[in-house]
Amino acid sequence: MPRNNENTIEVNSLDNIRQEERLSILAEELIRMRSKRKIVEEYSVKWNCSPTTIRNLINEAIVWLSTTAKVTREEMRALNSERLDDLFEDADLRYKLKIIDLLNKAHGVYETNVNIGGKENTEFTFSFGDNNGDQN
């Protein structure tokens, strides 16, 4: 990028277009369920960027996908599962167990039963504060 002086950087509109194109490409790769590791390996070479830069772009693409509703909840769950799978490969036993636990929670493997009251017609009263604005 051309520099105007030592403290400012001039950003050409072409740079923004390239950035948007890169985010779009990475988003498509994520939608196709490619692993983050493979995307980083391929595009750091292809775009002559550091792996950290590609990881940051991938994170931006994930935020963009989730905020623009281009990805459903199930697709995000699958995407995050892929990311956990990438971490699993290099993790020690303690972290592997945590990853398995997270995957089980994300996919609803654990059942959560909450029994409150014990009877069918139990009445509950909730008080979040009184009329004076004081909280209990």
C-alpha atoms as a PDB file:
ATOM      1  CA  MET A   1       0.000   0.000   0.000  1.00  0.00           C
ATOM      2  CA  PRO A   2       1.339   3.416  -0.830  1.00  0.00           C
ATOM      3  CA  ARG A   3       2.218   5.634   2.096  1.00  0.00           C
ATOM      4  CA  ASN A   4       1.445   9.353   2.252  1.00  0.00           C
ATOM      5  CA  ASN A   5       3.781   9.947   5.144  1.00  0.00           C
ATOM      6  CA  GLU A   6       5.232   7.918   7.977  1.00  0.00           C
ATOM      7  CA  ASN A   7       2.040   7.875  10.070  1.00  0.00           C
ATOM      8  CA  THR A   8      -0.732   7.242   7.544  1.00  0.00           C
ATOM      9  CA  ILE A   9      -1.464   4.541   5.008  1.00  0.00           C
ATOM     10  CA  GLU A  10      -3.471   5.246   1.869  1.00  0.00           C
ATOM     11  CA  VAL A  11      -5.990   2.492   1.200  1.00  0.00           C
ATOM     12  CA  ASN A  12      -7.016   2.108  -2.408  1.00  0.00           C
ATOM     13  CA  SER A  13     -10.575   1.029  -3.184  1.00  0.00           C
ATOM     14  CA  LEU A  14      -9.061  -1.932  -5.010  1.00  0.00           C
ATOM     15  CA  ASP A  15      -7.659  -3.199  -1.688  1.00  0.00           C
ATOM     16  CA  ASN A  16     -11.174  -3.252  -0.201  1.00  0.00           C
ATOM     17  CA  ILE A  17     -12.480  -5.165  -3.200  1.00  0.00           C
ATOM     18  CA  ARG A  18      -9.731  -7.734  -2.836  1.00  0.00           C
ATOM     19  CA  GLN A  19     -10.524  -8.071   0.882  1.00  0.00           C
ATOM     20  CA  GLU A  20     -14.231  -8.612   0.175  1.00  0.00           C
ATOM     21  CA  GLU A  21     -13.407 -11.157  -2.519  1.00  0.00           C
ATOM     22  CA  ARG A  22     -11.115 -13.017  -0.158  1.00  0.00           C
ATOM     23  CA  LEU A  23     -13.765 -13.088   2.578  1.00  0.00           C
ATOM     24  CA  SER A  24     -16.311 -14.350   0.075  1.00  0.00           C
ATOM     25  CA  ILE A  25     -13.970 -17.088  -1.148  1.00  0.00           C
ATOM     26  CA  LEU A  26     -13.156 -18.185   2.399  1.00  0.00           C
ATOM     27  CA  ALA A  27     -16.845 -18.129   3.342  1.00  0.00           C
ATOM     28  CA  GLU A  28     -17.617 -20.429   0.408  1.00  0.00           C
ATOM     29  CA  GLU A  29     -14.833 -22.782   1.490  1.00  0.00           C
ATOM     30  CA  LEU A  30     -16.300 -22.877   5.003  1.00  0.00           C
ATOM     31  CA  ILE A  31     -19.801 -23.540   3.663  1.00  0.00           C
ATOM     32  CA  ARG A  32     -18.366 -26.478   1.718  1.00  0.00           C
ATOM     33  CA  MET A  33     -17.129 -27.759   5.102  1.00  0.00           C
ATOM     34  CA  ARG A  34     -13.450 -27.676   4.284  1.00  0.00           C
ATOM     35  CA  SER A  35     -11.344 -27.792   7.404  1.00  0.00           C
ATOM     36  CA  LYS A  36      -9.811 -24.580   8.638  1.00  0.00           C
ATOM     37  CA  ARG A  37      -6.361 -26.151   8.580  1.00  0.00           C
ATOM     38  CA  LYS A  38      -6.612 -27.071   4.895  1.00  0.00           C
ATOM     39  CA  ILE A  39      -7.939 -23.625   4.007  1.00  0.00           C
ATOM     40  CA  VAL A  40      -5.038 -21.968   5.837  1.00  0.00           C
ATOM     41  CA  GLU A  41      -2.477 -24.212   4.130  1.00  0.00           C
ATOM     42  CA  GLU A  42      -3.885 -23.599   0.647  1.00  0.00           C
ATOM     43  CA  TYR A  43      -4.607 -19.882   0.775  1.00  0.00           C
ATOM     44  CA  SER A  44      -1.492 -18.802   2.672  1.00  0.00           C
ATOM     45  CA  VAL A  45       0.485 -20.117  -0.313  1.00  0.00           C
ATOM     46  CA  LYS A  46      -2.010 -19.029  -2.982  1.00  0.00           C
ATOM     47  CA  TRP A  47      -2.325 -15.450  -1.668  1.00  0.00           C
ATOM     48  CA  ASN A  48       1.228 -15.215  -0.305  1.00  0.00           C
ATOM     49  CA  CYS A  49      -0.060 -14.399   3.198  1.00  0.00           C
ATOM     50  CA  SER A  50       0.939 -15.626   6.611  1.00  0.00           C
ATOM     51  CA  PRO A  51      -1.171 -18.402   8.168  1.00  0.00           C
ATOM     52  CA  THR A  52      -2.177 -15.934  10.901  1.00  0.00           C
ATOM     53  CA  THR A  53      -3.578 -13.540   8.292  1.00  0.00           C
ATOM     54  CA  ILE A  54      -5.622 -16.338   6.736  1.00  0.00           C
ATOM     55  CA  ARG A  55      -6.888 -17.427  10.169  1.00  0.00           C
ATOM     56  CA  ASN A  56      -7.977 -13.846  10.878  1.00  0.00           C
ATOM     57  CA  LEU A  57      -9.752 -13.687   7.514  1.00  0.00           C
ATOM     58  CA  ILE A  58     -11.475 -16.993   8.256  1.00  0.00           C
ATOM     59  CA  ASN A  59     -12.680 -15.623  11.595  1.00  0.00           C
ATOM     60  CA  GLU A  60     -14.036 -12.531   9.819  1.00  0.00           C
ATOM     61  CA  ALA A  61     -15.757 -14.771   7.280  1.00  0.00           C
ATOM     62  CA  ILE A  62     -17.381 -16.800  10.076  1.00  0.00           C
ATOM     63  CA  VAL A  63     -18.713 -13.632  11.711  1.00  0.00           C
ATOM     64  CA  TRP A  64     -19.972 -12.407   8.340  1.00  0.00           C
ATOM     65  CA  LEU A  65     -21.692 -15.736   7.645  1.00  0.00           C
ATOM     66  CA  SER A  66     -23.417 -15.839  11.021  1.00  0.00           C
ATOM     67  CA  THR A  67     -24.559 -12.199  10.958  1.00  0.00           C
ATOM     68  CA  THR A  68     -25.889 -12.255   7.396  1.00  0.00           C
ATOM     69  CA  ALA A  69     -27.831 -15.482   8.036  1.00  0.00           C
ATOM     70  CA  LYS A  70     -26.126 -17.157   5.088  1.00  0.00           C
ATOM     71  CA  VAL A  71     -25.528 -20.164   7.299  1.00  0.00           C
ATOM     72  CA  THR A  72     -28.151 -22.021   9.279  1.00  0.00           C
ATOM     73  CA  ARG A  73     -27.659 -23.136  12.852  1.00  0.00           C
ATOM     74  CA  GLU A  74     -26.974 -26.697  11.664  1.00  0.00           C
ATOM     75  CA  GLU A  75     -24.342 -25.493   9.220  1.00  0.00           C
ATOM     76  CA  MET A  76     -22.657 -23.415  11.939  1.00  0.00           C
ATOM     77  CA  ARG A  77     -22.710 -26.461  14.215  1.00  0.00           C
ATOM     78  CA  ALA A  78     -21.037 -28.525  11.482  1.00  0.00           C
ATOM     79  CA  LEU A  79     -18.537 -25.740  10.818  1.00  0.00           C
ATOM     80  CA  ASN A  80     -17.589 -25.540  14.489  1.00  0.00           C
ATOM     81  CA  SER A  81     -17.329 -29.323  14.646  1.00  0.00           C
ATOM     82  CA  GLU A  82     -14.805 -29.172  11.795  1.00  0.00           C
ATOM     83  CA  ARG A  83     -12.828 -26.559  13.703  1.00  0.00           C
ATOM     84  CA  LEU A  84     -12.826 -28.751  16.815  1.00  0.00           C
ATOM     85  CA  ASP A  85     -11.698 -31.706  14.700  1.00  0.00           C
ATOM     86  CA  ASP A  86      -8.719 -29.634  13.552  1.00  0.00           C
ATOM     87  CA  LEU A  87      -7.812 -28.872  17.158  1.00  0.00           C
ATOM     88  CA  PHE A  88      -8.285 -32.509  18.148  1.00  0.00           C
ATOM     89  CA  GLU A  89      -5.412 -33.662  15.943  1.00  0.00           C
ATOM     90  CA  ASP A  90      -2.749 -31.762  17.903  1.00  0.00           C
ATOM     91  CA  ALA A  91      -4.327 -31.781  21.368  1.00  0.00           C
ATOM     92  CA  ASP A  92      -3.125 -33.673  24.408  1.00  0.00           C
ATOM     93  CA  LEU A  93      -5.454 -36.105  26.200  1.00  0.00           C
ATOM     94  CA  ARG A  94      -6.973 -33.496  28.539  1.00  0.00           C
ATOM     95  CA  TYR A  95      -7.952 -31.217  25.662  1.00  0.00           C
ATOM     96  CA  LYS A  96      -9.164 -34.147  23.560  1.00  0.00           C
ATOM     97  CA  LEU A  97     -11.610 -35.007  26.353  1.00  0.00           C
ATOM     98  CA  LYS A  98     -12.792 -31.379  26.472  1.00  0.00           C
ATOM     99  CA  ILE A  99     -13.259 -31.343  22.703  1.00  0.00           C
ATOM    100  CA  ILE A 100     -15.289 -34.559  22.844  1.00  0.00           C
ATOM    101  CA  ASP A 101     -17.425 -33.029  25.604  1.00  0.00           C
ATOM    102  CA  LEU A 102     -18.023 -29.876  23.533  1.00  0.00           C
ATOM    103  CA  LEU A 103     -18.964 -31.924  20.477  1.00  0.00           C
ATOM    104  CA  ASN A 104     -21.384 -34.007  22.540  1.00  0.00           C
ATOM    105  CA  LYS A 105     -23.005 -30.862  23.957  1.00  0.00           C
ATOM    106  CA  ALA A 106     -23.256 -29.231  20.532  1.00  0.00           C
ATOM    107  CA  HIS A 107     -24.909 -32.271  18.995  1.00  0.00           C
ATOM    108  CA  GLY A 108     -27.324 -32.866  21.875  1.00  0.00           C
ATOM    109  CA  VAL A 109     -25.843 -36.163  22.983  1.00  0.00           C
ATOM    110  CA  TYR A 110     -26.439 -35.329  26.635  1.00  0.00           C
ATOM    111  CA  GLU A 111     -30.007 -35.249  27.911  1.00  0.00           C
ATOM    112  CA  THR A 112     -30.961 -32.503  30.302  1.00  0.00           C
ATOM    113  CA  ASN A 113     -33.933 -33.187  32.522  1.00  0.00           C
ATOM    114  CA  VAL A 114     -35.038 -30.601  35.020  1.00  0.00           C
ATOM    115  CA  ASN A 115     -37.633 -31.612  37.568  1.00  0.00           C
ATOM    116  CA  ILE A 116     -38.997 -28.712  39.533  1.00  0.00           C
ATOM    117  CA  GLY A 117     -41.980 -28.854  41.820  1.00  0.00           C
ATOM    118  CA  GLY A 118     -42.604 -32.566  41.836  1.00  0.00           C
ATOM    119  CA  LYS A 119     -46.390 -32.198  41.248  1.00  0.00           C
ATOM    120  CA  GLU A 120     -48.273 -31.378  38.077  1.00  0.00           C
ATOM    121  CA  ASN A 121     -50.045 -28.300  39.434  1.00  0.00           C
ATOM    122  CA  THR A 122     -47.233 -26.635  41.334  1.00  0.00           C
ATOM    123  CA  GLU A 123     -47.480 -22.841  41.411  1.00  0.00           C
ATOM    124  CA  PHE A 124     -44.369 -20.643  41.282  1.00  0.00           C
ATOM    125  CA  THR A 125     -44.035 -16.960  42.088  1.00  0.00           C
ATOM    126  CA  PHE A 126     -41.102 -14.940  40.816  1.00  0.00           C
ATOM    127  CA  SER A 127     -40.207 -11.583  42.307  1.00  0.00           C
ATOM    128  CA  PHE A 128     -37.683  -9.438  40.493  1.00  0.00           C
ATOM    129  CA  GLY A 129     -38.123  -6.287  42.556  1.00  0.00           C
ATOM    130  CA  ASP A 130     -40.731  -4.309  44.416  1.00  0.00           C
ATOM    131  CA  ASN A 131     -42.707  -1.257  43.335  1.00  0.00           C
ATOM    132  CA  ASN A 132     -40.041   1.143  44.659  1.00  0.00           C
ATOM    133  CA  GLY A 133     -37.495  -0.130  42.192  1.00  0.00           C
ATOM    134  CA  ASP A 134     -35.498  -1.923  44.914  1.00  0.00           C
ATOM    135  CA  GLN A 135     -34.330  -5.379  43.975  1.00  0.00           C
ATOM    136  CA  ASN A 136     -34.541  -8.371  46.314  1.00  0.00           C
END
